[in-house]
Amino acid sequence: MTINLIFRIGAVGILVSVLCQVLKHSGREEQAFLTSLAGLVLVLYWVVPYIYELFETIRDLFAL
């Protein structure tokens, strides 16, 4: 995992939180929810390969 991934996750978190606050204050609760859901899906799309690699490493470790 690179430090670049951590910065991207942080940037998405900041962007999503700002967008959600703006949308909530303008009365668009549903769009704020969808924005936060889209941010979560994007971050999961980036992180899932690393989680898969972790489980593969653990499986190989115990399959000595």
PDB file of N, CA and C in Angstrom:
ATOM      1  N   MET A   1       0.852  -1.170   0.000  1.00  0.00           N
ATOM      2  CA  MET A   1       0.000   0.000   0.000  1.00  0.00           C
ATOM      3  C   MET A   1       0.898   1.232   0.000  1.00  0.00           C
ATOM      4  N   THR A   2       0.591   2.134  -0.840  1.00  0.00           N
ATOM      5  CA  THR A   2       1.406   3.338  -0.945  1.00  0.00           C
ATOM      6  C   THR A   2       0.766   4.476  -0.168  1.00  0.00           C
ATOM      7  N   ILE A   3       1.569   5.476   0.109  1.00  0.00           N
ATOM      8  CA  ILE A   3       1.073   6.655   0.806  1.00  0.00           C
ATOM      9  C   ILE A   3       0.104   7.430  -0.077  1.00  0.00           C
ATOM     10  N   ASN A   4       0.232   7.249  -1.390  1.00  0.00           N
ATOM     11  CA  ASN A   4      -0.663   7.903  -2.336  1.00  0.00           C
ATOM     12  C   ASN A   4      -2.117   7.487  -2.105  1.00  0.00           C
ATOM     13  N   LEU A   5      -2.338   6.210  -1.803  1.00  0.00           N
ATOM     14  CA  LEU A   5      -3.681   5.719  -1.539  1.00  0.00           C
ATOM     15  C   LEU A   5      -4.276   6.379  -0.302  1.00  0.00           C
ATOM     16  N   ILE A   6      -3.471   6.554   0.722  1.00  0.00           N
ATOM     17  CA  ILE A   6      -3.955   7.191   1.953  1.00  0.00           C
ATOM     18  C   ILE A   6      -4.346   8.637   1.690  1.00  0.00           C
ATOM     19  N   PHE A   7      -3.559   9.340   0.895  1.00  0.00           N
ATOM     20  CA  PHE A   7      -3.898  10.718   0.554  1.00  0.00           C
ATOM     21  C   PHE A   7      -5.162  10.797  -0.295  1.00  0.00           C
ATOM     22  N   ARG A   8      -5.337   9.848  -1.208  1.00  0.00           N
ATOM     23  CA  ARG A   8      -6.548   9.846  -2.029  1.00  0.00           C
ATOM     24  C   ARG A   8      -7.790   9.592  -1.179  1.00  0.00           C
ATOM     25  N   ILE A   9      -7.685   8.662  -0.222  1.00  0.00           N
ATOM     26  CA  ILE A   9      -8.815   8.377   0.662  1.00  0.00           C
ATOM     27  C   ILE A   9      -9.151   9.603   1.505  1.00  0.00           C
ATOM     28  N   GLY A  10      -8.125  10.276   2.004  1.00  0.00           N
ATOM     29  CA  GLY A  10      -8.350  11.494   2.769  1.00  0.00           C
ATOM     30  C   GLY A  10      -8.994  12.587   1.940  1.00  0.00           C
ATOM     31  N   ALA A  11      -8.553  12.736   0.700  1.00  0.00           N
ATOM     32  CA  ALA A  11      -9.131  13.755  -0.180  1.00  0.00           C
ATOM     33  C   ALA A  11     -10.592  13.452  -0.485  1.00  0.00           C
ATOM     34  N   VAL A  12     -10.903  12.189  -0.718  1.00  0.00           N
ATOM     35  CA  VAL A  12     -12.299  11.817  -0.972  1.00  0.00           C
ATOM     36  C   VAL A  12     -13.146  12.072   0.270  1.00  0.00           C
ATOM     37  N   GLY A  13     -12.610  11.770   1.433  1.00  0.00           N
ATOM     38  CA  GLY A  13     -13.346  12.016   2.674  1.00  0.00           C
ATOM     39  C   GLY A  13     -13.654  13.491   2.887  1.00  0.00           C
ATOM     40  N   ILE A  14     -12.669  14.338   2.653  1.00  0.00           N
ATOM     41  CA  ILE A  14     -12.878  15.779   2.815  1.00  0.00           C
ATOM     42  C   ILE A  14     -13.887  16.287   1.786  1.00  0.00           C
ATOM     43  N   LEU A  15     -13.729  15.869   0.543  1.00  0.00           N
ATOM     44  CA  LEU A  15     -14.634  16.316  -0.520  1.00  0.00           C
ATOM     45  C   LEU A  15     -16.067  15.864  -0.264  1.00  0.00           C
ATOM     46  N   VAL A  16     -16.236  14.626   0.134  1.00  0.00           N
ATOM     47  CA  VAL A  16     -17.581  14.098   0.397  1.00  0.00           C
ATOM     48  C   VAL A  16     -18.216  14.808   1.587  1.00  0.00           C
ATOM     49  N   SER A  17     -17.451  15.057   2.621  1.00  0.00           N
ATOM     50  CA  SER A  17     -18.034  15.727   3.789  1.00  0.00           C
ATOM     51  C   SER A  17     -18.460  17.154   3.456  1.00  0.00           C
ATOM     52  N   VAL A  18     -17.667  17.863   2.665  1.00  0.00           N
ATOM     53  CA  VAL A  18     -18.051  19.225   2.266  1.00  0.00           C
ATOM     54  C   VAL A  18     -19.296  19.191   1.390  1.00  0.00           C
ATOM     55  N   LEU A  19     -19.315  18.288   0.429  1.00  0.00           N
ATOM     56  CA  LEU A  19     -20.486  18.188  -0.442  1.00  0.00           C
ATOM     57  C   LEU A  19     -21.741  17.810   0.334  1.00  0.00           C
ATOM     58  N   CYS A  20     -21.613  16.912   1.284  1.00  0.00           N
ATOM     59  CA  CYS A  20     -22.768  16.515   2.091  1.00  0.00           C
ATOM     60  C   CYS A  20     -23.296  17.680   2.916  1.00  0.00           C
ATOM     61  N   GLN A  21     -22.402  18.456   3.497  1.00  0.00           N
ATOM     62  CA  GLN A  21     -22.849  19.611   4.284  1.00  0.00           C
ATOM     63  C   GLN A  21     -23.569  20.629   3.409  1.00  0.00           C
ATOM     64  N   VAL A  22     -23.025  20.890   2.238  1.00  0.00           N
ATOM     65  CA  VAL A  22     -23.669  21.849   1.328  1.00  0.00           C
ATOM     66  C   VAL A  22     -25.034  21.340   0.890  1.00  0.00           C
ATOM     67  N   LEU A  23     -25.118  20.067   0.547  1.00  0.00           N
ATOM     68  CA  LEU A  23     -26.393  19.510   0.107  1.00  0.00           C
ATOM     69  C   LEU A  23     -27.418  19.464   1.233  1.00  0.00           C
ATOM     70  N   LYS A  24     -26.991  19.146   2.445  1.00  0.00           N
ATOM     71  CA  LYS A  24     -27.929  19.106   3.568  1.00  0.00           C
ATOM     72  C   LYS A  24     -28.466  20.489   3.895  1.00  0.00           C
ATOM     73  N   HIS A  25     -27.627  21.503   3.834  1.00  0.00           N
ATOM     74  CA  HIS A  25     -28.073  22.860   4.141  1.00  0.00           C
ATOM     75  C   HIS A  25     -28.974  23.423   3.046  1.00  0.00           C
ATOM     76  N   SER A  26     -28.886  22.877   1.848  1.00  0.00           N
ATOM     77  CA  SER A  26     -29.765  23.340   0.780  1.00  0.00           C
ATOM     78  C   SER A  26     -31.043  22.500   0.692  1.00  0.00           C
ATOM     79  N   GLY A  27     -31.198  21.547   1.615  1.00  0.00           N
ATOM     80  CA  GLY A  27     -32.428  20.770   1.681  1.00  0.00           C
ATOM     81  C   GLY A  27     -32.461  19.544   0.790  1.00  0.00           C
ATOM     82  N   ARG A  28     -31.342  19.095   0.346  1.00  0.00           N
ATOM     83  CA  ARG A  28     -31.288  17.924  -0.530  1.00  0.00           C
ATOM     84  C   ARG A  28     -30.663  16.751   0.222  1.00  0.00           C
ATOM     85  N   GLU A  29     -31.422  16.219   1.162  1.00  0.00           N
ATOM     86  CA  GLU A  29     -30.935  15.133   2.025  1.00  0.00           C
ATOM     87  C   GLU A  29     -30.638  13.862   1.222  1.00  0.00           C
ATOM     88  N   GLU A  30     -31.494  13.552   0.248  1.00  0.00           N
ATOM     89  CA  GLU A  30     -31.308  12.317  -0.518  1.00  0.00           C
ATOM     90  C   GLU A  30     -30.029  12.370  -1.350  1.00  0.00           C
ATOM     91  N   GLN A  31     -29.758  13.514  -1.948  1.00  0.00           N
ATOM     92  CA  GLN A  31     -28.544  13.639  -2.737  1.00  0.00           C
ATOM     93  C   GLN A  31     -27.297  13.615  -1.857  1.00  0.00           C
ATOM     94  N   ALA A  32     -27.410  14.138  -0.641  1.00  0.00           N
ATOM     95  CA  ALA A  32     -26.284  14.065   0.296  1.00  0.00           C
ATOM     96  C   ALA A  32     -25.996  12.621   0.667  1.00  0.00           C
ATOM     97  N   PHE A  33     -27.051  11.847   0.879  1.00  0.00           N
ATOM     98  CA  PHE A  33     -26.869  10.430   1.186  1.00  0.00           C
ATOM     99  C   PHE A  33     -26.224   9.695   0.019  1.00  0.00           C
ATOM    100  N   LEU A  34     -26.683   9.965  -1.194  1.00  0.00           N
ATOM    101  CA  LEU A  34     -26.113   9.302  -2.363  1.00  0.00           C
ATOM    102  C   LEU A  34     -24.662   9.711  -2.591  1.00  0.00           C
ATOM    103  N   THR A  35     -24.327  10.949  -2.260  1.00  0.00           N
ATOM    104  CA  THR A  35     -22.944  11.404  -2.375  1.00  0.00           C
ATOM    105  C   THR A  35     -22.044  10.643  -1.403  1.00  0.00           C
ATOM    106  N   SER A  36     -22.495  10.493  -0.175  1.00  0.00           N
ATOM    107  CA  SER A  36     -21.691   9.753   0.796  1.00  0.00           C
ATOM    108  C   SER A  36     -21.589   8.283   0.417  1.00  0.00           C
ATOM    109  N   LEU A  37     -22.650   7.728  -0.128  1.00  0.00           N
ATOM    110  CA  LEU A  37     -22.613   6.341  -0.576  1.00  0.00           C
ATOM    111  C   LEU A  37     -21.650   6.163  -1.744  1.00  0.00           C
ATOM    112  N   ALA A  38     -21.639   7.107  -2.666  1.00  0.00           N
ATOM    113  CA  ALA A  38     -20.715   7.042  -3.799  1.00  0.00           C
ATOM    114  C   ALA A  38     -19.265   7.148  -3.331  1.00  0.00           C
ATOM    115  N   GLY A  39     -18.996   7.992  -2.341  1.00  0.00           N
ATOM    116  CA  GLY A  39     -17.650   8.092  -1.786  1.00  0.00           C
ATOM    117  C   GLY A  39     -17.213   6.793  -1.140  1.00  0.00           C
ATOM    118  N   LEU A  40     -18.126   6.162  -0.427  1.00  0.00           N
ATOM    119  CA  LEU A  40     -17.810   4.879   0.216  1.00  0.00           C
ATOM    120  C   LEU A  40     -17.506   3.809  -0.824  1.00  0.00           C
ATOM    121  N   VAL A  41     -18.302   3.750  -1.871  1.00  0.00           N
ATOM    122  CA  VAL A  41     -18.087   2.749  -2.917  1.00  0.00           C
ATOM    123  C   VAL A  41     -16.751   2.987  -3.622  1.00  0.00           C
ATOM    124  N   LEU A  42     -16.415   4.237  -3.866  1.00  0.00           N
ATOM    125  CA  LEU A  42     -15.150   4.554  -4.521  1.00  0.00           C
ATOM    126  C   LEU A  42     -13.963   4.115  -3.667  1.00  0.00           C
ATOM    127  N   VAL A  43     -14.015   4.405  -2.380  1.00  0.00           N
ATOM    128  CA  VAL A  43     -12.912   4.020  -1.493  1.00  0.00           C
ATOM    129  C   VAL A  43     -12.834   2.501  -1.368  1.00  0.00           C
ATOM    130  N   LEU A  44     -13.961   1.838  -1.291  1.00  0.00           N
ATOM    131  CA  LEU A  44     -13.941   0.377  -1.232  1.00  0.00           C
ATOM    132  C   LEU A  44     -13.369  -0.222  -2.506  1.00  0.00           C
ATOM    133  N   TYR A  45     -13.656   0.401  -3.640  1.00  0.00           N
ATOM    134  CA  TYR A  45     -13.095  -0.057  -4.906  1.00  0.00           C
ATOM    135  C   TYR A  45     -11.574   0.013  -4.889  1.00  0.00           C
ATOM    136  N   TRP A  46     -11.025   1.019  -4.220  1.00  0.00           N
ATOM    137  CA  TRP A  46      -9.571   1.159  -4.124  1.00  0.00           C
ATOM    138  C   TRP A  46      -8.968   0.195  -3.099  1.00  0.00           C
ATOM    139  N   VAL A  47      -9.688  -0.116  -2.026  1.00  0.00           N
ATOM    140  CA  VAL A  47      -9.116  -0.843  -0.891  1.00  0.00           C
ATOM    141  C   VAL A  47      -9.293  -2.359  -1.008  1.00  0.00           C
ATOM    142  N   VAL A  48     -10.329  -2.805  -1.700  1.00  0.00           N
ATOM    143  CA  VAL A  48     -10.626  -4.240  -1.764  1.00  0.00           C
ATOM    144  C   VAL A  48      -9.452  -5.071  -2.299  1.00  0.00           C
ATOM    145  N   PRO A  49      -8.709  -4.632  -3.326  1.00  0.00           N
ATOM    146  CA  PRO A  49      -7.564  -5.466  -3.749  1.00  0.00           C
ATOM    147  C   PRO A  49      -6.511  -5.659  -2.658  1.00  0.00           C
ATOM    148  N   TYR A  50      -6.308  -4.655  -1.824  1.00  0.00           N
ATOM    149  CA  TYR A  50      -5.343  -4.796  -0.732  1.00  0.00           C
ATOM    150  C   TYR A  50      -5.863  -5.751   0.344  1.00  0.00           C
ATOM    151  N   ILE A  51      -7.165  -5.736   0.592  1.00  0.00           N
ATOM    152  CA  ILE A  51      -7.752  -6.671   1.554  1.00  0.00           C
ATOM    153  C   ILE A  51      -7.649  -8.096   1.022  1.00  0.00           C
ATOM    154  N   TYR A  52      -7.881  -8.260  -0.271  1.00  0.00           N
ATOM    155  CA  TYR A  52      -7.744  -9.582  -0.888  1.00  0.00           C
ATOM    156  C   TYR A  52      -6.307 -10.089  -0.766  1.00  0.00           C
ATOM    157  N   GLU A  53      -5.369  -9.202  -1.026  1.00  0.00           N
ATOM    158  CA  GLU A  53      -3.959  -9.576  -0.912  1.00  0.00           C
ATOM    159  C   GLU A  53      -3.604  -9.956   0.528  1.00  0.00           C
ATOM    160  N   LEU A  54      -4.160  -9.260   1.495  1.00  0.00           N
ATOM    161  CA  LEU A  54      -3.929  -9.585   2.905  1.00  0.00           C
ATOM    162  C   LEU A  54      -4.446 -10.975   3.233  1.00  0.00           C
ATOM    163  N   PHE A  55      -5.660 -11.302   2.798  1.00  0.00           N
ATOM    164  CA  PHE A  55      -6.215 -12.622   3.076  1.00  0.00           C
ATOM    165  C   PHE A  55      -5.434 -13.720   2.362  1.00  0.00           C
ATOM    166  N   GLU A  56      -4.961 -13.447   1.165  1.00  0.00           N
ATOM    167  CA  GLU A  56      -4.136 -14.430   0.457  1.00  0.00           C
ATOM    168  C   GLU A  56      -2.822 -14.674   1.202  1.00  0.00           C
ATOM    169  N   THR A  57      -2.225 -13.622   1.721  1.00  0.00           N
ATOM    170  CA  THR A  57      -0.985 -13.761   2.474  1.00  0.00           C
ATOM    171  C   THR A  57      -1.212 -14.546   3.761  1.00  0.00           C
ATOM    172  N   ILE A  58      -2.316 -14.285   4.440  1.00  0.00           N
ATOM    173  CA  ILE A  58      -2.627 -15.014   5.673  1.00  0.00           C
ATOM    174  C   ILE A  58      -2.887 -16.489   5.357  1.00  0.00           C
ATOM    175  N   ARG A  59      -3.598 -16.741   4.258  1.00  0.00           N
ATOM    176  CA  ARG A  59      -3.855 -18.128   3.885  1.00  0.00           C
ATOM    177  C   ARG A  59      -2.564 -18.860   3.550  1.00  0.00           C
ATOM    178  N   ASP A  60      -1.661 -18.195   2.837  1.00  0.00           N
ATOM    179  CA  ASP A  60      -0.377 -18.814   2.519  1.00  0.00           C
ATOM    180  C   ASP A  60       0.476 -19.022   3.753  1.00  0.00           C
ATOM    181  N   LEU A  61       0.359 -18.128   4.715  1.00  0.00           N
ATOM    182  CA  LEU A  61       1.137 -18.247   5.944  1.00  0.00           C
ATOM    183  C   LEU A  61       0.717 -19.478   6.730  1.00  0.00           C
ATOM    184  N   PHE A  62      -0.578 -19.752   6.829  1.00  0.00           N
ATOM    185  CA  PHE A  62      -1.048 -20.878   7.605  1.00  0.00           C
ATOM    186  C   PHE A  62      -1.066 -22.180   6.801  1.00  0.00           C
ATOM    187  N   ALA A  63      -0.765 -22.120   5.535  1.00  0.00           N
ATOM    188  CA  ALA A  63      -0.723 -23.332   4.707  1.00  0.00           C
ATOM    189  C   ALA A  63       0.705 -23.821   4.549  1.00  0.00           C
ATOM    190  N   LEU A  64       1.531 -23.601   5.566  1.00  0.00           N
ATOM    191  CA  LEU A  64       2.912 -24.054   5.515  1.00  0.00           C
ATOM    192  C   LEU A  64       2.946 -25.556   5.420  1.00  0.00           C
TER     193      LEU A  64
END
